[in-house]
C-alpha cells in the first residue's frame, strides 16, 4: 500500500513539473537606479516607471535595483542591468567609459525646464553667520562623495570659481555617502557647519515633515525663473534614462516610446526627449575629473601647450646657468692653481720655520747643557774617583796575597754601581743634546719629571729640590715628546735656582709638584727668588726678554712654544704667601692610553 502511494505521488510530481515546463518564461529586464536617498526610497520614487513599462510592453517583467554610484558603475560594466536611471554627471561618465546613451530626460514638478533641474544646495543652520561661498573658508563641511554630481561636483565648480579650494581651504571636508539626508541631519545637529546636497532635497524633507523650514537655509541662493527650489549654483539637466551598450536596440526603442508616451504622474513627474548634457561635460573638463581626469596627468605635449612660456624662460635660465657654470669653472680652475701655488709656497715657508725652530730649540738645549757642563763634569768625577779607588785597593789586596772573596766582591759591586751612575748621567746628557724632530708618544709624566730632577741634581748638587706628586690611582700619562718636556722642566729649574742665588737663598727648597685634575696634568716649579714686577711678568714669555745679565731671553719663549705645540699651556704667577715665582705647565692627559691599559 505504501509503495502504491509513493508511486502515485511520484507520478503527480512528474506531471506537475512537465506542466510547469510548458508555461512560457517571462524575461526580466533590470533597471539600475542611483539611490541617492537610500535603497528604500527607490521603490517609492521610481516604481511608477516599471508599472508603466510593463503595461506598455507586455511579456517583459521590469524590475528596479538600487545602487550607490560605485555599485551602479560595476553593474553597468558587468552587464547586470539593461537600463539605468542616474544623475546627469554619472551618465556623462558612463557615456565616456562604457558607451551608454540617453533615451529620455526626467521632467520634474520642481522646474519648468528639464534642462535646468539639478544643482547643489549648500545648507547651513538659519542662525549661522555663513552667507557667501567665501564664508566657508576654515569651516567644517560635509558632502556626499567626491563623485556625487549634485552632492559635491556642482558645488566644487562654484567654489573653485570663487577662489576656494575645498581640499585645502576647509577646516575639514567629510563625505557621508548615501542617503543624502544624513548631511542635512548633521548640519541641523551642529556637528557640521555646512552641507552640500542636491537641490530640492531640503524642500522635499520639509514637505515630508522631516525638518522644519525655519531650522535651515541655503546660502548664496540664485533666483532662477521657473525653478522652485533654493540653489547655490547654476543648474544642469535632469536625470536621464540610460540605455546600455549591450541592450538590444528593439527593446531600447520600445522603452523610449513608452517613456515619452507616459502621462505625468500625480506628483508631477514624466519623461521627455533627451536634453543636451554638454554643460555637464564642460563641468568635468573644468574640474579635470571624470572623463577628463587625464588632464591632471601631465604629459610632454600638454605641458608644452600649457607651460610653453615658462619652459622658454627655464630654457633661457638653463643657458645662462650653463654659461655661468663654464665661467665659474674657469675662474675656479685658475684660482685653484693660484691657491695650489700659494699653498706650496706656504708649506715651504712652514718647513723653513720648522727647521729654524728645531735649530733654535737645539741651540737652547746646548746652551742649557753648556751652563751645566762644568757641574756635570764635577759630578762625574765622584763615580770615576770611586771606581779608581776601589780598583787600586783591589789591586793592592791581590798583590799582598789577601784574596779574601768578600772584600773583593764588595769592591767589584761598588765599581759596577759607580759606573752605572756615571753612565746614567752621560745618557741623559746625550739625549738632551741630540738634534732630532719632535715626536709625540704616550709616557708617564712622573717618570720624566723624576729623570729631569735627577739630572738637575747631578748638575747642581747645591740645589735643594723638593719633588713630590699627588697620589693617584694610576700614573698620569701625556702625549708629547718626553725629551722636550724635560728640556722645559730643566729650564724652569735653572731659572728658579738662578733667582734664588741672586736673592741669596741658594739652599731654599725649590718646589716641584705634579698633580692631576680635570683631564690634565700640571707640573709647577716654585722658587724663593726676588720675583718679577708687573711689567716684567707681562713680557716674561716674549722672545729675547731676560732679567739675567748674560741671558739670551729664549728659554721661556721656547718653553712656551714647546708646551703649546702639544696642546698644553705655560703660565706663571707671583707667590702669594712668600717672595718668588711659581711657573707651571699643563698638558692634556692621554686618556686613551689609560683605557687601553685597563682593558683586559
Protein backbone atom coordinates (compact mmCIF):
# COMPACT_ATOMS: atom_id res chain seq x y z
CA UNK A 1 0.00 0.00 0.00
CA UNK A 2 2.74 2.41 0.95
CA UNK A 3 4.56 1.56 -2.31
CA UNK A 4 1.47 2.41 -4.40
CA UNK A 5 1.03 5.73 -2.62
CA UNK A 6 4.66 6.61 -3.24
CA UNK A 7 4.34 5.73 -6.94
CA UNK A 8 1.23 7.88 -7.20
CA UNK A 9 2.90 10.84 -5.57
CA UNK A 10 5.89 10.49 -7.88
CA UNK A 11 3.61 10.44 -10.91
CA UNK A 12 1.82 13.59 -9.73
CA UNK A 13 5.11 15.38 -9.17
CA UNK A 14 6.38 14.44 -12.61
CA UNK A 15 3.15 15.61 -14.25
CA UNK A 16 3.34 18.91 -12.35
CA UNK A 17 6.92 19.50 -13.44
CA UNK A 18 6.04 18.84 -17.07
CA UNK A 19 3.13 21.24 -16.83
CA UNK A 20 5.38 23.94 -15.37
CA UNK A 21 7.90 23.49 -18.17
CA UNK A 22 5.15 24.01 -20.65
CA UNK A 23 4.40 27.57 -19.33
CA UNK A 24 6.22 30.42 -21.20
CA UNK A 25 9.03 32.08 -19.12
CA UNK A 26 8.64 35.88 -18.72
CA UNK A 27 12.00 37.62 -19.36
CA UNK A 28 13.23 40.05 -16.67
CA UNK A 29 14.75 43.42 -17.56
CA UNK A 30 16.64 45.07 -14.69
CA UNK A 31 16.77 48.84 -14.35
CA UNK A 32 19.56 50.12 -12.11
CA UNK A 33 18.73 53.24 -10.09
CA UNK A 34 21.13 55.58 -8.26
CA UNK A 35 19.74 55.52 -4.71
CA UNK A 36 20.77 58.97 -3.51
CA UNK A 37 18.05 58.90 -0.83
CA UNK A 38 18.68 55.27 0.17
CA UNK A 39 17.51 51.91 -1.09
CA UNK A 40 14.06 52.09 0.48
CA UNK A 41 13.22 55.29 -1.40
CA UNK A 42 13.94 53.74 -4.82
CA UNK A 43 10.78 51.64 -4.97
CA UNK A 44 8.71 54.50 -3.63
CA UNK A 45 10.09 57.10 -6.06
CA UNK A 46 10.51 55.03 -9.26
CA UNK A 47 8.01 52.16 -9.17
CA UNK A 48 5.68 54.16 -11.43
CA UNK A 49 8.24 53.68 -14.21
CA UNK A 50 8.22 49.87 -14.06
CA UNK A 51 4.42 49.77 -13.79
CA UNK A 52 4.05 51.89 -16.91
CA UNK A 53 6.68 49.94 -18.88
CA UNK A 54 5.14 46.56 -18.02
CA UNK A 55 1.74 47.87 -19.08
CA UNK A 56 3.15 49.29 -22.30
CA UNK A 57 5.41 46.35 -23.22
CA UNK A 58 3.64 43.04 -22.44
CA UNK A 59 5.66 39.89 -21.94
CA UNK A 60 8.55 41.57 -20.12
CA UNK A 61 8.96 41.95 -16.37
CA UNK A 62 10.73 45.20 -15.48
CA UNK A 63 12.39 45.35 -12.04
CA UNK A 64 14.28 48.04 -10.13
CA UNK A 65 17.70 47.51 -8.50
CA UNK A 66 19.11 50.20 -6.18
CA UNK A 67 22.85 51.01 -6.11
CA UNK A 68 25.22 53.60 -4.85
CA UNK A 69 27.27 55.26 -7.59
CA UNK A 70 30.21 52.84 -7.47
CA UNK A 71 27.87 49.85 -7.37
CA UNK A 72 25.87 51.15 -10.33
CA UNK A 73 29.08 51.57 -12.32
CA UNK A 74 30.06 47.96 -11.58
CA UNK A 75 26.60 46.77 -12.58
CA UNK A 76 26.95 48.54 -15.94
CA UNK A 77 30.39 47.09 -16.56
CA UNK A 78 29.30 43.55 -15.60
CA UNK A 79 26.14 43.87 -17.78
CA UNK A 80 23.95 43.04 -14.77
CA UNK A 81 21.37 45.64 -15.88
CA UNK A 82 19.88 46.73 -19.21
CA UNK A 83 18.90 50.30 -18.34
CA UNK A 84 19.85 52.87 -15.69
CA UNK A 85 18.34 55.93 -14.07
CA UNK A 86 21.15 58.06 -12.68
CA UNK A 87 22.40 61.58 -12.18
CA UNK A 88 23.50 63.75 -15.07
CA UNK A 89 27.14 63.66 -14.01
CA UNK A 90 27.22 59.89 -13.61
CA UNK A 91 25.59 59.47 -17.00
CA UNK A 92 28.26 61.56 -18.75
CA UNK A 93 30.95 59.47 -17.06
CA UNK A 94 29.23 56.24 -18.24
CA UNK A 95 28.87 57.69 -21.73
CA UNK A 96 32.64 58.18 -21.97
CA UNK A 97 33.70 54.96 -20.25
CA UNK A 98 31.06 52.37 -21.23
CA UNK A 99 29.24 53.71 -24.29
CA UNK A 100 25.96 54.46 -22.50
CA UNK A 101 23.41 56.71 -24.21
CA UNK A 102 20.33 58.61 -23.05
CA UNK A 103 16.87 57.94 -24.49
CA UNK A 104 14.82 60.28 -22.26
CA UNK A 105 15.19 63.00 -19.64
CA UNK A 106 13.13 63.32 -16.48
CA UNK A 107 10.57 66.13 -16.18
CA UNK A 108 10.23 67.25 -12.54
CA UNK A 109 7.48 69.29 -10.89
CA UNK A 110 10.23 71.40 -9.26
CA UNK A 111 11.22 73.09 -12.50
CA UNK A 112 9.65 74.26 -15.73
CA UNK A 113 12.59 73.12 -17.89
CA UNK A 114 14.33 69.74 -17.67
CA UNK A 115 17.48 71.48 -18.95
CA UNK A 116 17.62 73.47 -15.67
CA UNK A 117 16.71 70.97 -12.99
CA UNK A 118 19.75 69.85 -10.96
CA UNK A 119 22.15 71.91 -8.86
CA UNK A 120 23.86 71.98 -5.49
CA UNK A 121 22.38 73.44 -2.34
CA UNK A 122 24.81 74.40 0.44
CA UNK A 123 22.77 74.08 3.63
CA UNK A 124 23.54 75.86 6.92
CA UNK A 125 21.63 76.48 10.11
CA UNK A 126 19.33 79.50 9.99
CA UNK A 127 21.28 81.26 12.76
CA UNK A 128 24.64 80.59 11.09
CA UNK A 129 26.79 83.64 10.16
CA UNK A 130 27.65 81.98 6.82
CA UNK A 131 26.06 83.72 3.83
CA UNK A 132 28.50 83.53 0.90
CA UNK A 133 30.79 80.89 -0.54
CA UNK A 134 33.81 82.82 0.76
CA UNK A 135 32.48 82.39 4.31
CA UNK A 136 33.05 78.62 4.06
CA UNK A 137 36.84 79.00 4.29
CA UNK A 138 38.08 77.42 7.50
CA UNK A 139 34.73 75.68 8.20
CA UNK A 140 33.72 72.04 8.61
CA UNK A 141 31.81 70.93 5.52
CA UNK A 142 30.15 67.62 4.63
CA UNK A 143 29.33 66.35 1.13
CA UNK A 144 28.03 63.08 -0.31
CA UNK A 145 31.12 61.81 -2.16
CA UNK A 146 33.82 63.14 -4.49
CA UNK A 147 31.94 61.66 -7.47
CA UNK A 148 28.46 62.80 -6.37
CA UNK A 149 27.19 65.21 -9.04
CA UNK A 150 24.69 67.34 -7.14
CA UNK A 151 26.11 66.30 -3.77
CA UNK A 152 29.60 67.72 -4.45
CA UNK A 153 30.82 68.25 -8.03
CA UNK A 154 28.45 71.08 -8.98
CA UNK A 155 29.29 72.95 -5.75
CA UNK A 156 33.01 72.30 -6.30
CA UNK A 157 32.84 74.18 -9.61
CA UNK A 158 31.20 77.17 -7.94
CA UNK A 159 33.71 77.13 -5.07
CA UNK A 160 36.64 76.95 -7.49
CA UNK A 161 35.37 79.98 -9.38
CA UNK A 162 35.00 81.78 -6.03
CA UNK A 163 38.67 81.11 -5.29
CA UNK A 164 38.13 78.39 -2.69
CA UNK A 165 39.85 75.01 -2.87
CA UNK A 166 37.72 72.51 -0.91
CA UNK A 167 40.69 70.19 -0.41
CA UNK A 168 42.78 72.86 1.34
CA UNK A 169 40.64 75.83 2.39
CA UNK A 170 38.06 73.99 4.52
CA UNK A 171 38.90 73.12 8.11
CA UNK A 172 37.63 69.65 7.23
CA UNK A 173 35.77 68.05 4.33
CA UNK A 174 33.92 64.84 5.16
CA UNK A 175 31.94 62.54 2.89
CA UNK A 176 28.80 60.84 4.19
CA UNK A 177 27.79 58.66 1.23
CA UNK A 178 24.12 57.91 0.53
CA UNK A 179 21.49 58.66 1.73
CA UNK A 180 21.99 62.40 1.44
CA UNK A 181 19.52 63.16 4.24
CA UNK A 182 22.21 62.41 6.85
CA UNK A 183 24.11 65.52 5.70
CA UNK A 184 21.08 67.69 6.48
CA UNK A 185 20.76 66.00 9.87
CA UNK A 186 24.47 66.62 10.65
CA UNK A 187 24.12 70.33 9.89
CA UNK A 188 20.93 70.62 11.92
CA UNK A 189 22.61 68.85 14.86
CA UNK A 190 25.54 71.30 14.73
CA UNK A 191 28.25 68.69 14.10
CA UNK A 192 28.99 70.31 10.72
CA UNK A 193 28.98 73.99 9.73
CA UNK A 194 27.61 73.38 6.23
CA UNK A 195 26.49 70.53 3.99
CA UNK A 196 26.39 70.07 0.21
CA UNK A 197 23.32 68.25 -1.17
CA UNK A 198 21.48 68.23 -4.47
CA UNK A 199 18.84 70.90 -4.98
CA UNK A 200 15.26 70.28 -3.82
CA UNK A 201 16.33 67.68 -1.22
CA UNK A 202 15.80 70.18 1.60
CA UNK A 203 12.39 71.21 0.23
CA UNK A 204 11.36 67.55 -0.09
CA UNK A 205 12.37 66.85 3.51
CA UNK A 206 10.39 69.89 4.66
CA UNK A 207 7.37 68.69 2.67
CA UNK A 208 7.61 65.26 4.32
CA UNK A 209 7.94 66.86 7.76
CA UNK A 210 11.46 65.56 8.38
CA UNK A 211 12.81 69.07 9.15
CA UNK A 212 11.21 72.43 9.86
CA UNK A 213 11.62 75.15 7.25
CA UNK A 214 12.84 77.69 9.81
CA UNK A 215 15.70 75.47 11.02
CA UNK A 216 17.87 75.52 7.90
CA UNK A 217 18.58 77.70 4.89
CA UNK A 218 20.59 77.62 1.65
CA UNK A 219 23.44 80.13 1.20
CA UNK A 220 24.21 82.12 -1.98
CA UNK A 221 20.77 81.47 -3.40
CA UNK A 222 20.26 82.27 -7.07
CA UNK A 223 16.75 83.28 -8.18
CA UNK A 224 16.18 81.19 -11.33
CA UNK A 225 12.89 81.68 -13.21
CA UNK A 226 10.80 78.52 -13.33
CA UNK A 227 12.86 76.71 -10.67
CA UNK A 228 11.05 76.20 -7.39
CA UNK A 229 13.97 75.21 -5.09
CA UNK A 230 16.79 77.19 -3.47
CA UNK A 231 20.10 76.66 -5.28
CA UNK A 232 23.70 77.70 -4.52
CA UNK A 233 24.81 77.02 -8.10
CA UNK A 234 23.87 77.18 -11.75
CA UNK A 235 21.50 74.42 -12.93
CA UNK A 236 22.12 71.35 -15.10
CA UNK A 237 19.85 68.92 -17.00
CA UNK A 238 17.72 66.50 -15.00
CA UNK A 239 18.36 62.79 -14.65
CA UNK A 240 18.41 60.77 -17.89
CA UNK A 241 17.01 57.33 -18.62
CA UNK A 242 20.07 55.49 -19.88
CA UNK A 243 20.30 52.56 -22.27
CA UNK A 244 23.46 50.47 -22.11
CA UNK A 245 25.62 49.20 -24.94
CA UNK A 246 24.55 45.55 -24.69
CA UNK A 247 20.79 46.30 -24.58
CA UNK A 248 19.00 45.16 -27.81
CA UNK A 249 18.01 48.20 -29.92
CA UNK A 250 14.39 47.00 -30.47
CA UNK A 251 13.88 46.82 -26.72
CA UNK A 252 15.51 50.23 -26.24
CA UNK A 253 13.19 51.69 -28.90
CA UNK A 254 10.06 50.27 -27.23
CA UNK A 255 11.17 51.58 -23.82
CA UNK A 256 11.88 55.04 -25.25
CA UNK A 257 8.48 55.18 -26.94
CA UNK A 258 6.76 54.06 -23.75
CA UNK A 259 8.57 56.66 -21.62
CA UNK A 260 7.77 59.52 -23.97
CA UNK A 261 4.13 58.43 -24.05
CA UNK A 262 3.85 58.12 -20.28
CA UNK A 263 1.42 60.66 -18.78
CA UNK A 264 2.52 62.90 -15.92
CA UNK A 265 2.16 61.20 -12.53
CA UNK A 266 0.14 62.53 -9.65
CA UNK A 267 3.30 64.03 -8.17
CA UNK A 268 4.05 65.73 -11.48
CA UNK A 269 6.83 63.50 -12.92
CA UNK A 270 7.10 62.48 -16.58
CA UNK A 271 9.71 61.87 -19.31
CA UNK A 272 10.64 63.98 -22.30
CA UNK A 273 13.13 63.92 -25.18
CA UNK A 274 16.80 63.73 -24.12
CA UNK A 275 18.35 67.04 -23.11
CA UNK A 276 21.77 68.35 -24.12
CA UNK A 277 24.32 67.37 -21.46
CA UNK A 278 27.20 69.42 -22.90
CA UNK A 279 27.18 71.70 -19.84
CA UNK A 280 27.93 68.65 -17.68
CA UNK A 281 30.83 67.78 -19.96
CA UNK A 282 32.15 71.33 -19.53
CA UNK A 283 31.99 70.98 -15.75
CA UNK A 284 34.06 67.80 -15.88
CA UNK A 285 36.60 69.42 -18.17
CA UNK A 286 36.86 72.49 -15.94
CA UNK A 287 37.35 70.42 -12.78
CA UNK A 288 39.51 67.84 -14.61
CA UNK A 289 37.51 64.94 -13.20
CA UNK A 290 35.58 62.02 -14.62
CA UNK A 291 36.42 61.52 -18.30
CA UNK A 292 38.85 64.46 -18.12
CA UNK A 293 40.85 63.27 -15.13
CA UNK A 294 43.69 62.53 -17.54
CA UNK A 295 44.29 66.29 -17.79
CA UNK A 296 45.80 66.09 -14.34
CA UNK A 297 48.39 63.65 -15.72
CA UNK A 298 50.96 65.94 -17.21
CA UNK A 299 52.47 64.73 -20.49
CA UNK A 300 55.15 66.43 -22.51
CA UNK A 301 52.68 67.65 -25.14
CA UNK A 302 50.17 69.02 -22.63
CA UNK A 303 52.96 70.59 -20.63
CA UNK A 304 54.36 72.18 -23.78
CA UNK A 305 50.97 73.64 -24.71
CA UNK A 306 50.17 74.74 -21.19
CA UNK A 307 53.53 76.00 -19.98
CA UNK A 308 55.46 76.92 -23.13
CA UNK A 309 56.16 80.42 -21.80
CA UNK A 310 57.55 79.10 -18.54
CA UNK A 311 59.53 76.44 -20.40
CA UNK A 312 61.09 79.11 -22.60
CA UNK A 313 62.05 81.05 -19.50
CA UNK A 314 63.51 77.93 -17.87
CA UNK A 315 65.46 77.17 -21.06
CA UNK A 316 66.89 80.68 -21.05
CA UNK A 317 67.81 80.29 -17.40
CA UNK A 318 69.48 76.95 -18.14
CA UNK A 319 71.54 78.50 -20.92
CA UNK A 320 72.51 81.36 -18.64
CA UNK A 321 73.33 78.87 -15.90
CA UNK A 322 75.48 76.82 -18.30
CA UNK A 323 77.40 79.92 -19.39
CA UNK A 324 77.78 80.96 -15.78
CA UNK A 325 78.93 77.45 -14.82
CA UNK A 326 81.58 77.37 -17.54
CA UNK A 327 82.83 80.79 -16.48
CA UNK A 328 82.82 79.85 -12.80
CA UNK A 329 84.66 76.60 -13.52
CA UNK A 330 87.30 78.53 -15.44
CA UNK A 331 87.68 81.04 -12.62
CA UNK A 332 87.73 78.26 -10.03
CA UNK A 333 90.37 76.38 -12.02
CA UNK A 334 92.53 79.48 -12.29
CA UNK A 335 92.01 80.31 -8.63
CA UNK A 336 92.77 76.71 -7.68
CA UNK A 337 96.11 76.91 -9.45
CA UNK A 338 96.86 80.14 -7.64
CA UNK A 339 95.87 78.60 -4.31
CA UNK A 340 97.92 75.50 -5.06
CA UNK A 341 100.97 77.65 -5.75
CA UNK A 342 100.30 79.71 -2.63
CA UNK A 343 99.89 76.55 -0.55
CA UNK A 344 103.14 75.16 -1.94
CA UNK A 345 104.89 78.39 -1.01
CA UNK A 346 103.21 78.36 2.41
CA UNK A 347 104.34 74.78 3.04
CA UNK A 348 107.89 75.72 2.04
CA UNK A 349 107.83 78.67 4.45
CA UNK A 350 106.37 76.49 7.20
CA UNK A 351 109.09 73.90 6.62
CA UNK A 352 111.73 76.60 6.84
CA UNK A 353 110.13 77.88 10.04
CA UNK A 354 110.10 74.36 11.49
CA UNK A 355 113.74 73.90 10.63
CA UNK A 356 114.62 77.25 12.21
CA UNK A 357 112.57 76.36 15.28
CA UNK A 358 114.30 72.97 15.54
CA UNK A 359 117.71 74.64 15.22
CA UNK A 360 116.76 77.23 17.83
CA UNK A 361 115.43 74.51 20.10
CA UNK A 362 118.63 72.52 19.73
CA UNK A 363 120.69 75.64 20.40
CA UNK A 364 118.69 76.29 23.56
CA UNK A 365 119.30 72.73 24.77
CA UNK A 366 123.01 73.07 24.08
CA UNK A 367 123.04 76.40 25.93
CA UNK A 368 121.44 74.77 28.95
CA UNK A 369 123.87 71.87 28.77
CA UNK A 370 126.79 74.30 28.39
CA UNK A 371 125.77 76.01 31.59
CA UNK A 372 125.53 72.61 33.29
CA UNK A 373 128.70 71.11 31.76
CA UNK A 374 131.18 72.07 34.50
CA UNK A 375 128.85 70.93 37.24
CA UNK A 376 128.18 67.68 35.39
CA UNK A 377 131.92 67.13 34.93
CA UNK A 378 132.39 67.64 38.69
CA UNK A 379 129.57 65.18 39.36
CA UNK A 380 131.15 62.58 37.07
CA UNK A 381 134.46 62.89 38.94
CA UNK A 382 132.88 61.35 42.02
CA UNK A 383 131.90 57.96 40.50
CA UNK A 384 135.10 57.89 38.44
CA UNK A 385 137.27 58.60 41.53
CA UNK A 386 135.40 55.94 43.48
CA UNK A 387 135.92 53.44 40.67
CA UNK A 388 139.66 54.25 40.63
CA UNK A 389 139.98 53.95 44.40
CA UNK A 390 138.23 50.59 44.55
CA UNK A 391 140.21 49.28 41.60
CA UNK A 392 143.56 50.27 43.18
CA UNK A 393 142.51 48.86 46.53
CA UNK A 394 141.59 45.55 44.94
CA UNK A 395 144.94 45.51 43.10
CA UNK A 396 146.87 46.08 46.34
CA UNK A 397 145.00 43.24 48.07
CA UNK A 398 145.79 40.91 45.22
CA UNK A 399 149.48 41.95 45.26
CA UNK A 400 149.66 41.40 49.03
CA UNK A 401 148.09 38.00 48.61
CA UNK A 402 144.97 38.89 50.54
CA UNK A 403 142.49 37.20 48.27
CA UNK A 404 139.50 37.09 50.56
CA UNK A 405 136.44 36.83 48.36
CA UNK A 406 134.12 39.08 50.36
CA UNK A 407 136.17 42.33 50.19
CA UNK A 408 136.95 41.77 46.53
CA UNK A 409 133.26 41.14 45.74
CA UNK A 410 132.23 44.31 47.60
CA UNK A 411 134.76 46.32 45.63
CA UNK A 412 133.59 44.88 42.31
CA UNK A 413 129.94 45.65 43.12
CA UNK A 414 130.79 49.22 44.13
CA UNK A 415 132.73 49.71 40.88
CA UNK A 416 129.66 48.49 38.94
CA UNK A 417 127.34 50.81 40.88
CA UNK A 418 129.52 53.87 40.30
CA UNK A 419 129.90 53.06 36.60
CA UNK A 420 126.12 52.76 36.19
CA UNK A 421 125.73 56.12 37.92
CA UNK A 422 128.18 57.76 35.55
CA UNK A 423 126.58 56.06 32.55
CA UNK A 424 123.12 57.33 33.52
CA UNK A 425 124.40 60.91 33.71
CA UNK A 426 126.03 60.60 30.28
CA UNK A 427 122.90 59.07 28.71
CA UNK A 428 120.73 61.95 29.94
CA UNK A 429 123.21 64.47 28.55
CA UNK A 430 123.34 62.74 25.16
CA UNK A 431 119.55 62.55 24.95
CA UNK A 432 119.26 66.25 25.71
CA UNK A 433 121.99 67.22 23.24
CA UNK A 434 120.71 65.10 20.35
CA UNK A 435 119.17 67.11 17.48
CA UNK A 436 116.05 65.38 16.20
CA UNK A 437 112.46 66.25 15.21
CA UNK A 438 109.81 66.31 17.90
CA UNK A 439 107.97 63.01 18.25
CA UNK A 440 104.85 62.64 20.37
CA UNK A 441 104.46 59.48 22.39
CA UNK A 442 102.46 58.49 25.43
CA UNK A 443 104.62 58.40 28.55
CA UNK A 444 104.33 58.61 32.32
CA UNK A 445 104.85 62.25 33.19
CA UNK A 446 106.02 61.42 36.73
CA UNK A 447 108.90 59.32 35.36
CA UNK A 448 110.01 62.12 33.03
CA UNK A 449 109.90 64.66 35.88
CA UNK A 450 111.84 62.26 38.11
CA UNK A 451 114.58 61.87 35.49
CA UNK A 452 114.82 65.63 34.87
CA UNK A 453 115.06 66.33 38.61
CA UNK A 454 117.77 63.67 38.98
CA UNK A 455 119.75 65.15 36.10
CA UNK A 456 119.44 68.65 37.52
CA UNK A 457 120.55 67.45 40.96
CA UNK A 458 123.58 65.80 39.36
CA UNK A 459 124.49 69.05 37.60
CA UNK A 460 123.73 71.27 40.60
CA UNK A 461 124.48 69.46 43.85
CA UNK A 462 123.88 72.67 45.79
CA UNK A 463 120.25 72.78 44.61
CA UNK A 464 117.68 71.76 47.21
CA UNK A 465 114.76 70.35 45.21
CA UNK A 466 111.58 69.28 46.97
CA UNK A 467 109.90 66.97 44.44
CA UNK A 468 106.54 65.38 45.11
CA UNK A 469 103.46 64.32 43.21
CA UNK A 470 99.94 63.70 44.40
CA UNK A 471 98.98 60.07 44.80
CA UNK A 472 96.54 58.89 42.13
CA UNK A 473 95.08 55.50 41.23
CA UNK A 474 97.14 55.27 38.02
CA UNK A 475 100.27 57.06 36.86
CA UNK A 476 99.14 60.01 34.71
CA UNK A 477 100.23 59.78 31.09
CA UNK A 478 100.50 62.52 28.49
CA UNK A 479 101.04 62.55 24.74
CA UNK A 480 104.14 64.65 23.97
CA UNK A 481 107.89 64.45 23.36
CA UNK A 482 109.43 63.42 26.72
CA UNK A 483 112.84 64.93 25.89
CA UNK A 484 111.32 68.32 25.08
CA UNK A 485 109.16 68.22 28.22
CA UNK A 486 112.28 67.50 30.27
CA UNK A 487 114.04 70.39 28.49
CA UNK A 488 111.23 72.73 29.60
CA UNK A 489 111.42 71.47 33.20
CA UNK A 490 115.24 71.81 33.30
CA UNK A 491 114.91 75.37 32.04
CA UNK A 492 112.36 76.18 34.75
CA UNK A 493 114.58 74.61 37.43
CA UNK A 494 117.64 76.54 36.18
CA UNK A 495 115.69 79.82 36.26
CA UNK A 496 114.44 79.04 39.77
CA UNK A 497 117.94 78.26 41.06
CA UNK A 498 119.41 81.41 39.44
CA UNK A 499 116.65 83.53 41.01
CA UNK A 500 117.32 82.10 44.48
CA UNK A 501 121.10 82.57 44.12
CA UNK A 502 120.51 86.18 43.11
CA UNK A 503 118.25 86.58 46.16
CA UNK A 504 120.86 84.95 48.45
CA UNK A 505 118.69 81.89 49.12
CA UNK A 506 120.55 79.15 47.18
CA UNK A 507 119.68 76.45 49.74
CA UNK A 508 115.98 77.28 49.93
CA UNK A 509 113.91 74.34 48.64
CA UNK A 510 112.74 74.60 45.03
CA UNK A 511 109.29 73.05 44.99
CA UNK A 512 108.32 70.72 42.13
CA UNK A 513 104.73 69.46 42.26
CA UNK A 514 102.86 67.19 39.85
CA UNK A 515 99.10 66.94 40.19
CA UNK A 516 96.22 65.81 38.04
CA UNK A 517 92.79 67.47 37.63
CA UNK A 518 90.03 67.86 35.03
CA UNK A 519 91.72 65.60 32.49
CA UNK A 520 95.07 67.43 32.57
CA UNK A 521 98.43 67.04 34.31
CA UNK A 522 100.13 70.10 35.81
CA UNK A 523 103.80 70.45 36.79
CA UNK A 524 104.57 73.50 38.95
CA UNK A 525 108.04 74.87 39.88
CA UNK A 526 108.09 77.26 42.87
CA UNK A 527 111.15 79.31 43.86
CA UNK A 528 112.03 81.80 46.60
CA UNK A 529 113.73 84.33 44.36
CA UNK A 530 113.22 88.05 44.14
CA UNK A 531 110.22 87.67 41.84
CA UNK A 532 109.13 89.91 38.94
CA UNK A 533 107.20 93.17 38.80
CA UNK A 534 104.03 93.60 36.70
CA UNK A 535 105.88 94.90 33.62
CA UNK A 536 108.35 92.01 33.72
CA UNK A 537 105.52 89.48 34.19
CA UNK A 538 103.77 90.87 31.09
CA UNK A 539 106.89 90.26 28.98
CA UNK A 540 108.03 87.02 30.59
CA UNK A 541 107.34 84.85 27.53
CA UNK A 542 108.46 87.32 24.88
CA UNK A 543 111.49 86.23 22.80
CA UNK A 544 114.81 87.87 23.81
CA UNK A 545 113.38 89.24 27.07
CA UNK A 546 115.61 88.36 30.05
CA UNK A 547 116.43 89.63 33.54
CA UNK A 548 119.84 87.94 33.54
CA UNK A 549 122.94 89.92 32.66
CA UNK A 550 124.22 87.23 30.28
CA UNK A 551 120.94 85.59 29.30
CA UNK A 552 119.67 85.22 25.72
CA UNK A 553 115.97 85.60 26.57
CA UNK A 554 114.98 82.47 24.60
CA UNK A 555 114.38 79.89 27.33
CA UNK A 556 110.85 80.88 28.41
CA UNK A 557 109.71 81.67 24.85
CA UNK A 558 110.92 78.29 23.59
CA UNK A 559 109.42 76.52 26.58
CA UNK A 560 106.02 78.10 25.92
CA UNK A 561 106.09 77.14 22.22
CA UNK A 562 107.10 73.55 23.08
CA UNK A 563 104.28 73.08 25.59
CA UNK A 564 101.66 74.71 23.32
CA UNK A 565 102.73 72.50 20.39
CA UNK A 566 101.42 69.53 22.39
CA UNK A 567 98.10 71.20 23.22
CA UNK A 568 99.19 72.48 26.62
CA UNK A 569 99.83 75.84 28.25
CA UNK A 570 102.64 77.54 30.20
CA UNK A 571 101.95 80.28 32.73
CA UNK A 572 103.37 81.98 35.82
CA UNK A 573 102.27 84.00 38.84
CA UNK A 574 103.91 85.60 41.85
CA UNK A 575 103.78 83.64 45.10
CA UNK A 576 101.03 84.96 47.32
CA UNK A 577 102.49 83.90 50.69
CA UNK A 578 106.22 84.48 50.12
CA UNK A 579 108.67 86.11 47.73
CA UNK A 580 109.37 84.36 44.50
CA UNK A 581 107.61 82.99 41.44
CA UNK A 582 105.65 79.87 40.54
CA UNK A 583 105.80 78.73 36.92
CA UNK A 584 103.74 75.79 35.75
CA UNK A 585 102.88 73.98 32.55
CA UNK A 586 99.77 71.92 31.88
CA UNK A 587 99.43 69.05 29.37
CA UNK A 588 96.21 67.20 28.46
CA UNK A 589 96.06 63.70 29.89
CA UNK A 590 96.21 60.80 27.42
CA UNK A 591 93.01 59.04 28.47
CA UNK A 592 93.07 56.63 25.51
CA UNK A 593 96.26 55.05 26.77
CA UNK A 594 94.70 54.51 30.17
CA UNK A 595 91.63 52.90 28.62
CA UNK A 596 93.80 50.59 26.51
CA UNK A 597 95.89 49.73 29.54
CA UNK A 598 92.89 48.89 31.67
CA UNK A 599 91.13 46.86 29.00
CA UNK A 600 91.76 43.13 29.58
